[in-house]
Amino acid sequence: MPNRFLQADPPRQAARGLHFILGPARLAAAVRLSQTLGRMKSFALYLLAPVIVALLAPLAINLQAAPYPAIFLVGTIPVVFFFTLVVALPLYFSLPKRLRGQLIPLLCMAFVAGLLSFFVFSYATKGVQAQVGPTVLVQNGNYTASGWYEVLLQSFAMGIFSLPGGLLFWLGARQAAKSENAA
């Protein structure tokens, strides 16, 4: 049944016509813009997560806050990105889909990824001989008991310092889910 109000008042119908026609198009454009902005925010959070972990890496190595040269901090970012691709992403995709958007499983995954990444990196770059003060950490290419203790302690610390990256990753995954649900 046609709207009698619009039929009875042609000037009002003409004044409302173009706006009325463009209304759904503007709504669709707003939804697409919202989805695009949501994806951009997710992507930014995904990229920021390893950067935060890279900036916290010196704390895991030294187990204390100490000034580090900027070149060292900048040099750790590509290493952390590499281990994010090699360790963290496979762990993420090994999670069941129902757990990928939940905070606790992603934080556990971030801890394990940080711990494994640091352990593998430390083991691969241990060298033949390493000594800190009177304590021998590596002798003849093998870790000593003190060396294993230090590597495991630093790996555990890197797992702890990976948690902020896991939180940012969770925020990105949550934002991506929101932008997909808006479709």
Protein backbone atom coordinates (compact mmCIF):
# COMPACT_ATOMS: atom_id res chain seq x y z
CA MET A 1 0.00 0.00 0.00
CA PRO A 2 1.54 3.33 -1.05
CA ASN A 3 2.21 5.99 1.52
CA ARG A 4 -0.69 8.47 1.28
CA PHE A 5 1.31 11.22 2.94
CA LEU A 6 3.91 11.21 0.16
CA GLN A 7 1.23 10.96 -2.52
CA ALA A 8 -0.66 13.90 -1.09
CA ASP A 9 2.35 16.20 -0.79
CA PRO A 10 4.49 16.07 -4.00
CA PRO A 11 6.83 18.94 -2.91
CA ARG A 12 7.76 17.04 0.27
CA GLN A 13 8.19 13.84 -1.75
CA ALA A 14 10.56 15.62 -4.16
CA ALA A 15 12.55 17.20 -1.32
CA ARG A 16 12.94 13.82 0.36
CA GLY A 17 13.58 11.81 -2.80
CA LEU A 18 17.35 12.03 -3.34
CA HIS A 19 18.16 11.75 0.35
CA PHE A 20 15.78 8.81 0.64
CA ILE A 21 17.43 7.06 -2.30
CA LEU A 22 21.01 7.68 -1.11
CA GLY A 23 20.28 6.65 2.49
CA PRO A 24 20.93 2.90 2.01
CA ALA A 25 24.04 3.63 -0.10
CA ARG A 26 25.44 5.89 2.62
CA LEU A 27 24.73 3.24 5.23
CA ALA A 28 26.53 0.59 3.18
CA ALA A 29 29.50 2.95 2.69
CA ALA A 30 29.63 3.61 6.43
CA VAL A 31 29.63 -0.13 7.15
CA ARG A 32 32.45 -0.70 4.64
CA LEU A 33 34.44 2.17 6.16
CA SER A 34 33.93 0.76 9.64
CA GLN A 35 35.12 -2.67 8.49
CA THR A 36 38.18 -1.16 6.79
CA LEU A 37 39.11 0.88 9.86
CA GLY A 38 38.61 -2.21 12.02
CA ARG A 39 40.95 -4.22 9.80
CA MET A 40 43.52 -1.42 9.89
CA LYS A 41 43.39 -1.30 13.70
CA SER A 42 43.77 -5.10 13.85
CA PHE A 43 46.74 -5.00 11.49
CA ALA A 44 48.38 -2.23 13.51
CA LEU A 45 47.93 -4.21 16.74
CA TYR A 46 49.31 -7.35 15.06
CA LEU A 47 52.42 -5.40 13.98
CA LEU A 48 52.82 -3.64 17.31
CA ALA A 49 52.77 -6.86 19.36
CA PRO A 50 56.24 -8.11 18.26
CA VAL A 51 57.69 -4.59 18.52
CA ILE A 52 56.65 -4.38 22.18
CA VAL A 53 58.17 -7.81 22.82
CA ALA A 54 61.39 -6.74 21.06
CA LEU A 55 61.62 -3.63 23.22
CA LEU A 56 61.19 -5.77 26.35
CA ALA A 57 63.74 -8.40 25.24
CA PRO A 58 66.74 -6.67 26.91
CA LEU A 59 64.96 -7.00 30.25
CA ALA A 60 64.79 -10.76 29.74
CA ILE A 61 68.47 -10.95 28.85
CA ASN A 62 69.77 -8.88 31.75
CA LEU A 63 66.90 -9.49 34.20
CA GLN A 64 67.19 -5.84 35.18
CA ALA A 65 66.40 -2.48 33.65
CA ALA A 66 69.59 -1.20 32.09
CA PRO A 67 70.20 1.35 29.37
CA TYR A 68 70.73 -0.33 26.03
CA PRO A 69 72.05 1.27 22.87
CA ALA A 70 69.33 2.09 20.36
CA ILE A 71 71.04 -0.03 17.71
CA PHE A 72 70.60 -3.10 19.95
CA LEU A 73 66.91 -2.36 20.44
CA VAL A 74 66.38 -1.78 16.72
CA GLY A 75 68.35 -4.93 15.93
CA THR A 76 66.11 -7.12 18.06
CA ILE A 77 62.94 -6.13 16.18
CA PRO A 78 63.71 -8.18 13.00
CA VAL A 79 64.75 -11.16 15.14
CA VAL A 80 61.50 -11.03 17.10
CA PHE A 81 59.47 -10.66 13.86
CA PHE A 82 61.27 -13.73 12.47
CA PHE A 83 60.50 -15.81 15.54
CA THR A 84 56.93 -14.51 15.53
CA LEU A 85 56.54 -15.93 12.03
CA VAL A 86 58.38 -19.18 12.77
CA VAL A 87 57.06 -19.98 16.27
CA ALA A 88 54.09 -17.81 17.29
CA LEU A 89 51.99 -17.98 14.13
CA PRO A 90 52.12 -21.80 13.86
CA LEU A 91 51.16 -21.98 17.54
CA TYR A 92 48.28 -19.59 16.89
CA PHE A 93 46.98 -21.61 13.96
CA SER A 94 47.35 -24.84 15.94
CA LEU A 95 44.83 -23.50 18.47
CA PRO A 96 41.25 -24.61 17.88
CA LYS A 97 39.24 -21.84 16.20
CA ARG A 98 36.96 -21.44 19.21
CA LEU A 99 39.99 -20.55 21.40
CA ARG A 100 41.69 -18.10 19.02
CA GLY A 101 39.69 -15.11 20.20
CA GLN A 102 39.94 -15.81 23.93
CA LEU A 103 42.40 -13.99 26.17
CA ILE A 104 43.79 -16.79 28.37
CA PRO A 105 44.70 -19.22 25.53
CA LEU A 106 46.39 -16.39 23.59
CA LEU A 107 48.37 -15.29 26.63
CA CYS A 108 49.48 -18.88 27.23
CA MET A 109 50.44 -19.12 23.56
CA ALA A 110 52.43 -15.86 23.82
CA PHE A 111 54.29 -17.19 26.87
CA VAL A 112 55.16 -20.47 25.17
CA ALA A 113 56.18 -18.67 21.95
CA GLY A 114 58.46 -16.29 23.85
CA LEU A 115 59.98 -19.09 25.90
CA LEU A 116 60.59 -21.37 22.89
CA SER A 117 61.87 -18.58 20.67
CA PHE A 118 64.37 -17.35 23.22
CA PHE A 119 65.52 -20.86 24.07
CA VAL A 120 66.04 -21.80 20.41
CA PHE A 121 67.84 -18.50 19.71
CA SER A 122 70.08 -18.88 22.76
CA TYR A 123 70.89 -22.50 21.98
CA ALA A 124 71.66 -21.73 18.32
CA THR A 125 73.99 -18.85 19.20
CA LYS A 126 75.72 -20.27 22.28
CA GLY A 127 79.21 -20.45 20.79
CA VAL A 128 82.10 -22.62 21.98
CA GLN A 129 83.10 -20.83 25.18
CA ALA A 130 81.15 -18.33 27.30
CA GLN A 131 81.99 -16.99 30.71
CA VAL A 132 80.49 -14.22 32.85
CA GLY A 133 82.88 -13.29 35.62
CA PRO A 134 84.09 -16.51 37.27
CA THR A 135 81.01 -18.46 36.10
CA VAL A 136 81.50 -20.60 32.99
CA LEU A 137 78.26 -20.87 31.01
CA VAL A 138 79.44 -22.70 27.88
CA GLN A 139 82.47 -24.96 27.72
CA ASN A 140 83.56 -26.85 24.60
CA GLY A 141 80.27 -25.95 22.88
CA ASN A 142 78.08 -27.40 25.66
CA TYR A 143 76.17 -25.66 28.40
CA THR A 144 77.37 -26.16 31.94
CA ALA A 145 74.88 -26.45 34.80
CA SER A 146 75.16 -22.68 35.35
CA GLY A 147 74.66 -22.14 31.63
CA TRP A 148 71.48 -24.22 31.56
CA TYR A 149 70.20 -22.36 34.59
CA GLU A 150 70.85 -18.97 32.95
CA VAL A 151 69.31 -20.00 29.62
CA LEU A 152 66.19 -21.42 31.25
CA LEU A 153 65.85 -18.40 33.55
CA GLN A 154 66.21 -15.98 30.63
CA SER A 155 63.82 -18.05 28.50
CA PHE A 156 61.23 -17.99 31.28
CA ALA A 157 61.70 -14.22 31.62
CA MET A 158 61.23 -13.81 27.84
CA GLY A 159 58.01 -15.79 28.13
CA ILE A 160 56.82 -13.37 30.82
CA PHE A 161 57.86 -10.34 28.75
CA SER A 162 55.98 -11.79 25.76
CA LEU A 163 52.65 -11.45 27.58
CA PRO A 164 52.10 -7.78 26.57
CA GLY A 165 52.57 -8.88 22.95
CA GLY A 166 49.98 -11.60 23.49
CA LEU A 167 47.61 -9.02 24.94
CA LEU A 168 48.04 -6.76 21.90
CA PHE A 169 47.57 -9.75 19.61
CA TRP A 170 44.34 -10.63 21.45
CA LEU A 171 43.12 -7.05 21.06
CA GLY A 172 43.86 -7.29 17.33
CA ALA A 173 42.03 -10.61 17.04
CA ARG A 174 39.09 -9.15 18.95
CA GLN A 175 39.02 -6.09 16.68
CA ALA A 176 39.16 -8.34 13.59
CA ALA A 177 36.23 -10.37 14.90
CA LYS A 178 34.24 -7.19 15.51
CA SER A 179 34.88 -5.90 12.00
CA GLU A 180 33.90 -9.28 10.51
CA ASN A 181 30.72 -9.42 12.57
CA ALA A 182 29.74 -5.95 11.35
CA ALA A 183 29.41 -7.35 7.83
